Amino acid sequence: MDTPPIEDLSFEDALKELERIVGRLETGDATLDESIALYERGDRLRARCAERLDAAQARIEAIRLDAEGRPAGVRPFATN
């Protein structure tokens, strides 16, 4: 099976592939070498998904409300 480079995958495609890898590892049907390769690719997919989520979160803006509860602008999303 020819797998595309992780950098070319959308978040959704990377997540789907990661789910397939986890499922395959959970069955225990893969050889040791296959399991190691699957784990390594899965770890890179996990890191890519985390990067994409962090980038998306940094772009989210929260709506700021005035004293009357009306929208008064936006401010960067705070993670804390």
PDB file of N, CA and C in Angstrom:
ATOM      1  N   MET A   1       0.840  -1.179   0.000  1.00  0.00           N
ATOM      2  CA  MET A   1       0.000   0.000   0.000  1.00  0.00           C
ATOM      3  C   MET A   1       0.886   1.244   0.000  1.00  0.00           C
ATOM      4  N   ASP A   2       0.667   2.123  -0.951  1.00  0.00           N
ATOM      5  CA  ASP A   2       1.453   3.346  -1.088  1.00  0.00           C
ATOM      6  C   ASP A   2       0.811   4.432  -0.229  1.00  0.00           C
ATOM      7  N   THR A   3       1.548   4.942   0.746  1.00  0.00           N
ATOM      8  CA  THR A   3       1.004   5.963   1.634  1.00  0.00           C
ATOM      9  C   THR A   3       1.567   7.325   1.261  1.00  0.00           C
ATOM     10  N   PRO A   4       0.708   8.348   1.222  1.00  0.00           N
ATOM     11  CA  PRO A   4       1.176   9.692   0.875  1.00  0.00           C
ATOM     12  C   PRO A   4       2.025  10.271   2.002  1.00  0.00           C
ATOM     13  N   PRO A   5       2.865  11.244   1.664  1.00  0.00           N
ATOM     14  CA  PRO A   5       3.651  11.907   2.712  1.00  0.00           C
ATOM     15  C   PRO A   5       2.718  12.557   3.733  1.00  0.00           C
ATOM     16  N   ILE A   6       3.080  12.465   4.982  1.00  0.00           N
ATOM     17  CA  ILE A   6       2.247  12.999   6.062  1.00  0.00           C
ATOM     18  C   ILE A   6       2.013  14.494   5.873  1.00  0.00           C
ATOM     19  N   GLU A   7       3.005  15.215   5.375  1.00  0.00           N
ATOM     20  CA  GLU A   7       2.883  16.660   5.192  1.00  0.00           C
ATOM     21  C   GLU A   7       1.806  17.023   4.185  1.00  0.00           C
ATOM     22  N   ASP A   8       1.461  16.091   3.294  1.00  0.00           N
ATOM     23  CA  ASP A   8       0.454  16.355   2.260  1.00  0.00           C
ATOM     24  C   ASP A   8      -0.968  16.037   2.716  1.00  0.00           C
ATOM     25  N   LEU A   9      -1.108  15.404   3.875  1.00  0.00           N
ATOM     26  CA  LEU A   9      -2.434  14.988   4.343  1.00  0.00           C
ATOM     27  C   LEU A   9      -3.170  16.134   5.028  1.00  0.00           C
ATOM     28  N   SER A  10      -4.470  16.188   4.794  1.00  0.00           N
ATOM     29  CA  SER A  10      -5.301  17.120   5.554  1.00  0.00           C
ATOM     30  C   SER A  10      -5.404  16.583   6.979  1.00  0.00           C
ATOM     31  N   PHE A  11      -5.865  17.411   7.887  1.00  0.00           N
ATOM     32  CA  PHE A  11      -6.045  16.964   9.270  1.00  0.00           C
ATOM     33  C   PHE A  11      -6.963  15.745   9.307  1.00  0.00           C
ATOM     34  N   GLU A  12      -8.075  15.818   8.568  1.00  0.00           N
ATOM     35  CA  GLU A  12      -9.052  14.729   8.582  1.00  0.00           C
ATOM     36  C   GLU A  12      -8.467  13.435   8.033  1.00  0.00           C
ATOM     37  N   ASP A  13      -7.712  13.527   6.950  1.00  0.00           N
ATOM     38  CA  ASP A  13      -7.103  12.323   6.376  1.00  0.00           C
ATOM     39  C   ASP A  13      -6.038  11.742   7.296  1.00  0.00           C
ATOM     40  N   ALA A  14      -5.258  12.609   7.935  1.00  0.00           N
ATOM     41  CA  ALA A  14      -4.241  12.133   8.880  1.00  0.00           C
ATOM     42  C   ALA A  14      -4.899  11.429  10.060  1.00  0.00           C
ATOM     43  N   LEU A  15      -5.994  11.999  10.549  1.00  0.00           N
ATOM     44  CA  LEU A  15      -6.692  11.387  11.677  1.00  0.00           C
ATOM     45  C   LEU A  15      -7.292  10.039  11.298  1.00  0.00           C
ATOM     46  N   LYS A  16      -7.873   9.951  10.099  1.00  0.00           N
ATOM     47  CA  LYS A  16      -8.436   8.670   9.637  1.00  0.00           C
ATOM     48  C   LYS A  16      -7.347   7.603   9.527  1.00  0.00           C
ATOM     49  N   GLU A  17      -6.203   7.993   8.961  1.00  0.00           N
ATOM     50  CA  GLU A  17      -5.111   7.025   8.840  1.00  0.00           C
ATOM     51  C   GLU A  17      -4.611   6.602  10.216  1.00  0.00           C
ATOM     52  N   LEU A  18      -4.513   7.546  11.129  1.00  0.00           N
ATOM     53  CA  LEU A  18      -4.083   7.229  12.493  1.00  0.00           C
ATOM     54  C   LEU A  18      -5.056   6.246  13.139  1.00  0.00           C
ATOM     55  N   GLU A  19      -6.347   6.446  12.942  1.00  0.00           N
ATOM     56  CA  GLU A  19      -7.349   5.517  13.485  1.00  0.00           C
ATOM     57  C   GLU A  19      -7.193   4.121  12.884  1.00  0.00           C
ATOM     58  N   ARG A  20      -6.902   4.055  11.574  1.00  0.00           N
ATOM     59  CA  ARG A  20      -6.685   2.747  10.934  1.00  0.00           C
ATOM     60  C   ARG A  20      -5.455   2.049  11.517  1.00  0.00           C
ATOM     61  N   ILE A  21      -4.401   2.831  11.748  1.00  0.00           N
ATOM     62  CA  ILE A  21      -3.177   2.266  12.311  1.00  0.00           C
ATOM     63  C   ILE A  21      -3.433   1.732  13.714  1.00  0.00           C
ATOM     64  N   VAL A  22      -4.123   2.494  14.528  1.00  0.00           N
ATOM     65  CA  VAL A  22      -4.435   2.042  15.889  1.00  0.00           C
ATOM     66  C   VAL A  22      -5.247   0.755  15.830  1.00  0.00           C
ATOM     67  N   GLY A  23      -6.234   0.710  14.948  1.00  0.00           N
ATOM     68  CA  GLY A  23      -7.044  -0.502  14.800  1.00  0.00           C
ATOM     69  C   GLY A  23      -6.206  -1.700  14.402  1.00  0.00           C
ATOM     70  N   ARG A  24      -5.292  -1.482  13.468  1.00  0.00           N
ATOM     71  CA  ARG A  24      -4.426  -2.572  13.016  1.00  0.00           C
ATOM     72  C   ARG A  24      -3.520  -3.046  14.141  1.00  0.00           C
ATOM     73  N   LEU A  25      -2.962  -2.115  14.905  1.00  0.00           N
ATOM     74  CA  LEU A  25      -2.090  -2.495  16.021  1.00  0.00           C
ATOM     75  C   LEU A  25      -2.879  -3.235  17.101  1.00  0.00           C
ATOM     76  N   GLU A  26      -4.114  -2.836  17.311  1.00  0.00           N
ATOM     77  CA  GLU A  26      -4.929  -3.485  18.349  1.00  0.00           C
ATOM     78  C   GLU A  26      -5.285  -4.920  18.003  1.00  0.00           C
ATOM     79  N   THR A  27      -5.353  -5.247  16.710  1.00  0.00           N
ATOM     80  CA  THR A  27      -5.689  -6.627  16.341  1.00  0.00           C
ATOM     81  C   THR A  27      -4.559  -7.585  16.663  1.00  0.00           C
ATOM     82  N   GLY A  28      -3.315  -7.088  16.661  1.00  0.00           N
ATOM     83  CA  GLY A  28      -2.177  -7.948  16.942  1.00  0.00           C
ATOM     84  C   GLY A  28      -1.781  -8.825  15.776  1.00  0.00           C
ATOM     85  N   ASP A  29      -2.359  -8.572  14.592  1.00  0.00           N
ATOM     86  CA  ASP A  29      -2.081  -9.397  13.416  1.00  0.00           C
ATOM     87  C   ASP A  29      -0.791  -9.022  12.699  1.00  0.00           C
ATOM     88  N   ALA A  30      -0.260  -7.839  12.957  1.00  0.00           N
ATOM     89  CA  ALA A  30       0.943  -7.390  12.256  1.00  0.00           C
ATOM     90  C   ALA A  30       2.182  -8.060  12.851  1.00  0.00           C
ATOM     91  N   THR A  31       3.170  -8.272  12.002  1.00  0.00           N
ATOM     92  CA  THR A  31       4.442  -8.794  12.489  1.00  0.00           C
ATOM     93  C   THR A  31       5.107  -7.715  13.345  1.00  0.00           C
ATOM     94  N   LEU A  32       6.168  -8.081  14.017  1.00  0.00           N
ATOM     95  CA  LEU A  32       6.890  -7.122  14.844  1.00  0.00           C
ATOM     96  C   LEU A  32       7.405  -5.953  14.010  1.00  0.00           C
ATOM     97  N   ASP A  33       8.027  -6.254  12.873  1.00  0.00           N
ATOM     98  CA  ASP A  33       8.551  -5.198  12.008  1.00  0.00           C
ATOM     99  C   ASP A  33       7.432  -4.294  11.490  1.00  0.00           C
ATOM    100  N   GLU A  34       6.307  -4.898  11.090  1.00  0.00           N
ATOM    101  CA  GLU A  34       5.161  -4.105  10.634  1.00  0.00           C
ATOM    102  C   GLU A  34       4.620  -3.240  11.771  1.00  0.00           C
ATOM    103  N   SER A  35       4.546  -3.808  12.945  1.00  0.00           N
ATOM    104  CA  SER A  35       4.039  -3.068  14.102  1.00  0.00           C
ATOM    105  C   SER A  35       4.918  -1.866  14.418  1.00  0.00           C
ATOM    106  N   ILE A  36       6.215  -2.053  14.341  1.00  0.00           N
ATOM    107  CA  ILE A  36       7.147  -0.945  14.596  1.00  0.00           C
ATOM    108  C   ILE A  36       6.958   0.150  13.554  1.00  0.00           C
ATOM    109  N   ALA A  37       6.858  -0.244  12.277  1.00  0.00           N
ATOM    110  CA  ALA A  37       6.658   0.739  11.202  1.00  0.00           C
ATOM    111  C   ALA A  37       5.321   1.459  11.366  1.00  0.00           C
ATOM    112  N   LEU A  38       4.279   0.710  11.714  1.00  0.00           N
ATOM    113  CA  LEU A  38       2.966   1.318  11.940  1.00  0.00           C
ATOM    114  C   LEU A  38       3.016   2.296  13.108  1.00  0.00           C
ATOM    115  N   TYR A  39       3.656   1.888  14.182  1.00  0.00           N
ATOM    116  CA  TYR A  39       3.769   2.758  15.356  1.00  0.00           C
ATOM    117  C   TYR A  39       4.513   4.051  15.010  1.00  0.00           C
ATOM    118  N   GLU A  40       5.606   3.920  14.284  1.00  0.00           N
ATOM    119  CA  GLU A  40       6.390   5.105  13.918  1.00  0.00           C
ATOM    120  C   GLU A  40       5.581   6.058  13.043  1.00  0.00           C
ATOM    121  N   ARG A  41       4.872   5.522  12.055  1.00  0.00           N
ATOM    122  CA  ARG A  41       4.039   6.383  11.203  1.00  0.00           C
ATOM    123  C   ARG A  41       2.901   6.976  12.032  1.00  0.00           C
ATOM    124  N   GLY A  42       2.318   6.181  12.894  1.00  0.00           N
ATOM    125  CA  GLY A  42       1.248   6.681  13.754  1.00  0.00           C
ATOM    126  C   GLY A  42       1.713   7.817  14.642  1.00  0.00           C
ATOM    127  N   ASP A  43       2.920   7.712  15.152  1.00  0.00           N
ATOM    128  CA  ASP A  43       3.459   8.775  16.003  1.00  0.00           C
ATOM    129  C   ASP A  43       3.661  10.056  15.202  1.00  0.00           C
ATOM    130  N   ARG A  44       4.124   9.926  13.968  1.00  0.00           N
ATOM    131  CA  ARG A  44       4.306  11.111  13.110  1.00  0.00           C
ATOM    132  C   ARG A  44       2.948  11.712  12.735  1.00  0.00           C
ATOM    133  N   LEU A  45       1.949  10.859  12.500  1.00  0.00           N
ATOM    134  CA  LEU A  45       0.597  11.349  12.209  1.00  0.00           C
ATOM    135  C   LEU A  45       0.016  12.082  13.420  1.00  0.00           C
ATOM    136  N   ARG A  46       0.235  11.532  14.609  1.00  0.00           N
ATOM    137  CA  ARG A  46      -0.251  12.177  15.831  1.00  0.00           C
ATOM    138  C   ARG A  46       0.372  13.556  15.992  1.00  0.00           C
ATOM    139  N   ALA A  47       1.668  13.642  15.755  1.00  0.00           N
ATOM    140  CA  ALA A  47       2.365  14.926  15.871  1.00  0.00           C
ATOM    141  C   ALA A  47       1.827  15.922  14.841  1.00  0.00           C
ATOM    142  N   ARG A  48       1.584  15.460  13.623  1.00  0.00           N
ATOM    143  CA  ARG A  48       1.051  16.334  12.565  1.00  0.00           C
ATOM    144  C   ARG A  48      -0.335  16.848  12.942  1.00  0.00           C
ATOM    145  N   CYS A  49      -1.177  15.966  13.462  1.00  0.00           N
ATOM    146  CA  CYS A  49      -2.522  16.388  13.877  1.00  0.00           C
ATOM    147  C   CYS A  49      -2.432  17.418  15.008  1.00  0.00           C
ATOM    148  N   ALA A  50      -1.544  17.200  15.952  1.00  0.00           N
ATOM    149  CA  ALA A  50      -1.368  18.149  17.057  1.00  0.00           C
ATOM    150  C   ALA A  50      -0.903  19.504  16.538  1.00  0.00           C
ATOM    151  N   GLU A  51       0.029  19.491  15.571  1.00  0.00           N
ATOM    152  CA  GLU A  51       0.494  20.752  14.976  1.00  0.00           C
ATOM    153  C   GLU A  51      -0.646  21.494  14.301  1.00  0.00           C
ATOM    154  N   ARG A  52      -1.462  20.763  13.551  1.00  0.00           N
ATOM    155  CA  ARG A  52      -2.583  21.388  12.841  1.00  0.00           C
ATOM    156  C   ARG A  52      -3.598  21.957  13.819  1.00  0.00           C
ATOM    157  N   LEU A  53      -3.874  21.245  14.911  1.00  0.00           N
ATOM    158  CA  LEU A  53      -4.802  21.752  15.926  1.00  0.00           C
ATOM    159  C   LEU A  53      -4.249  23.003  16.607  1.00  0.00           C
ATOM    160  N   ASP A  54      -2.975  22.983  16.931  1.00  0.00           N
ATOM    161  CA  ASP A  54      -2.345  24.155  17.557  1.00  0.00           C
ATOM    162  C   ASP A  54      -2.411  25.364  16.633  1.00  0.00           C
ATOM    163  N   ALA A  55      -2.166  25.148  15.343  1.00  0.00           N
ATOM    164  CA  ALA A  55      -2.217  26.251  14.375  1.00  0.00           C
ATOM    165  C   ALA A  55      -3.633  26.785  14.245  1.00  0.00           C
ATOM    166  N   ALA A  56      -4.606  25.896  14.231  1.00  0.00           N
ATOM    167  CA  ALA A  56      -5.999  26.331  14.125  1.00  0.00           C
ATOM    168  C   ALA A  56      -6.407  27.104  15.372  1.00  0.00           C
ATOM    169  N   GLN A  57      -6.006  26.636  16.529  1.00  0.00           N
ATOM    170  CA  GLN A  57      -6.355  27.300  17.775  1.00  0.00           C
ATOM    171  C   GLN A  57      -5.743  28.705  17.830  1.00  0.00           C
ATOM    172  N   ALA A  58      -4.560  28.859  17.304  1.00  0.00           N
ATOM    173  CA  ALA A  58      -3.909  30.164  17.305  1.00  0.00           C
ATOM    174  C   ALA A  58      -4.651  31.151  16.413  1.00  0.00           C
ATOM    175  N   ARG A  59      -5.378  30.658  15.414  1.00  0.00           N
ATOM    176  CA  ARG A  59      -6.106  31.539  14.504  1.00  0.00           C
ATOM    177  C   ARG A  59      -7.503  31.880  14.994  1.00  0.00           C
ATOM    178  N   ILE A  60      -8.005  31.142  15.967  1.00  0.00           N
ATOM    179  CA  ILE A  60      -9.354  31.394  16.467  1.00  0.00           C
ATOM    180  C   ILE A  60      -9.360  32.695  17.250  1.00  0.00           C
ATOM    181  N   GLU A  61     -10.390  33.468  17.029  1.00  0.00           N
ATOM    182  CA  GLU A  61     -10.551  34.703  17.781  1.00  0.00           C
ATOM    183  C   GLU A  61     -11.827  34.618  18.593  1.00  0.00           C
ATOM    184  N   ALA A  62     -11.797  35.137  19.790  1.00  0.00           N
ATOM    185  CA  ALA A  62     -12.974  35.171  20.641  1.00  0.00           C
ATOM    186  C   ALA A  62     -13.668  36.517  20.454  1.00  0.00           C
ATOM    187  N   ILE A  63     -14.980  36.503  20.437  1.00  0.00           N
ATOM    188  CA  ILE A  63     -15.739  37.743  20.303  1.00  0.00           C
ATOM    189  C   ILE A  63     -15.769  38.441  21.657  1.00  0.00           C
ATOM    190  N   ARG A  64     -15.411  39.703  21.642  1.00  0.00           N
ATOM    191  CA  ARG A  64     -15.412  40.517  22.853  1.00  0.00           C
ATOM    192  C   ARG A  64     -16.752  41.241  22.919  1.00  0.00           C
ATOM    193  N   LEU A  65     -17.383  41.241  24.092  1.00  0.00           N
ATOM    194  CA  LEU A  65     -18.674  41.899  24.269  1.00  0.00           C
ATOM    195  C   LEU A  65     -18.510  43.174  25.083  1.00  0.00           C
ATOM    196  N   ASP A  66     -19.377  44.164  24.782  1.00  0.00           N
ATOM    197  CA  ASP A  66     -19.348  45.392  25.571  1.00  0.00           C
ATOM    198  C   ASP A  66     -20.208  45.209  26.822  1.00  0.00           C
ATOM    199  N   ALA A  67     -20.382  46.272  27.600  1.00  0.00           N
ATOM    200  CA  ALA A  67     -21.115  46.205  28.877  1.00  0.00           C
ATOM    201  C   ALA A  67     -22.560  45.765  28.681  1.00  0.00           C
ATOM    202  N   GLU A  68     -23.137  46.052  27.520  1.00  0.00           N
ATOM    203  CA  GLU A  68     -24.524  45.662  27.244  1.00  0.00           C
ATOM    204  C   GLU A  68     -24.644  44.286  26.598  1.00  0.00           C
ATOM    205  N   GLY A  69     -23.520  43.607  26.433  1.00  0.00           N
ATOM    206  CA  GLY A  69     -23.537  42.275  25.843  1.00  0.00           C
ATOM    207  C   GLY A  69     -23.523  42.264  24.326  1.00  0.00           C
ATOM    208  N   ARG A  70     -23.251  43.394  23.705  1.00  0.00           N
ATOM    209  CA  ARG A  70     -23.178  43.470  22.242  1.00  0.00           C
ATOM    210  C   ARG A  70     -21.747  43.203  21.789  1.00  0.00           C
ATOM    211  N   PRO A  71     -21.593  42.585  20.623  1.00  0.00           N
ATOM    212  CA  PRO A  71     -20.244  42.357  20.094  1.00  0.00           C
ATOM    213  C   PRO A  71     -19.491  43.688  19.953  1.00  0.00           C
ATOM    214  N   ALA A  72     -18.259  43.716  20.455  1.00  0.00           N
ATOM    215  CA  ALA A  72     -17.469  44.957  20.438  1.00  0.00           C
ATOM    216  C   ALA A  72     -16.102  44.729  19.814  1.00  0.00           C
ATOM    217  N   GLY A  73     -15.917  43.654  19.117  1.00  0.00           N
ATOM    218  CA  GLY A  73     -14.625  43.367  18.510  1.00  0.00           C
ATOM    219  C   GLY A  73     -14.203  41.952  18.806  1.00  0.00           C
ATOM    220  N   VAL A  74     -12.954  41.660  18.492  1.00  0.00           N
ATOM    221  CA  VAL A  74     -12.423  40.324  18.727  1.00  0.00           C
ATOM    222  C   VAL A  74     -11.088  40.435  19.444  1.00  0.00           C
ATOM    223  N   ARG A  75     -10.708  39.346  20.101  1.00  0.00           N
ATOM    224  CA  ARG A  75      -9.414  39.253  20.750  1.00  0.00           C
ATOM    225  C   ARG A  75      -8.873  37.857  20.477  1.00  0.00           C
ATOM    226  N   PRO A  76      -7.582  37.668  20.548  1.00  0.00           N
ATOM    227  CA  PRO A  76      -7.022  36.328  20.306  1.00  0.00           C
ATOM    228  C   PRO A  76      -7.592  35.319  21.290  1.00  0.00           C
ATOM    229  N   PHE A  77      -7.735  34.095  20.817  1.00  0.00           N
ATOM    230  CA  PHE A  77      -8.214  33.004  21.654  1.00  0.00           C
ATOM    231  C   PHE A  77      -7.203  32.734  22.755  1.00  0.00           C
ATOM    232  N   ALA A  78      -7.675  32.623  23.979  1.00  0.00           N
ATOM    233  CA  ALA A  78      -6.791  32.326  25.114  1.00  0.00           C
ATOM    234  C   ALA A  78      -6.954  30.860  25.484  1.00  0.00           C
ATOM    235  N   THR A  79      -5.829  30.162  25.658  1.00  0.00           N
ATOM    236  CA  THR A  79      -5.883  28.749  26.014  1.00  0.00           C
ATOM    237  C   THR A  79      -5.982  28.535  27.504  1.00  0.00           C
ATOM    238  N   ASN A  80      -5.788  29.553  28.296  1.00  0.00           N
ATOM    239  CA  ASN A  80      -5.853  29.403  29.745  1.00  0.00           C
ATOM    240  C   ASN A  80      -7.143  29.920  30.294  1.00  0.00           C
TER     241      ASN A  80
END
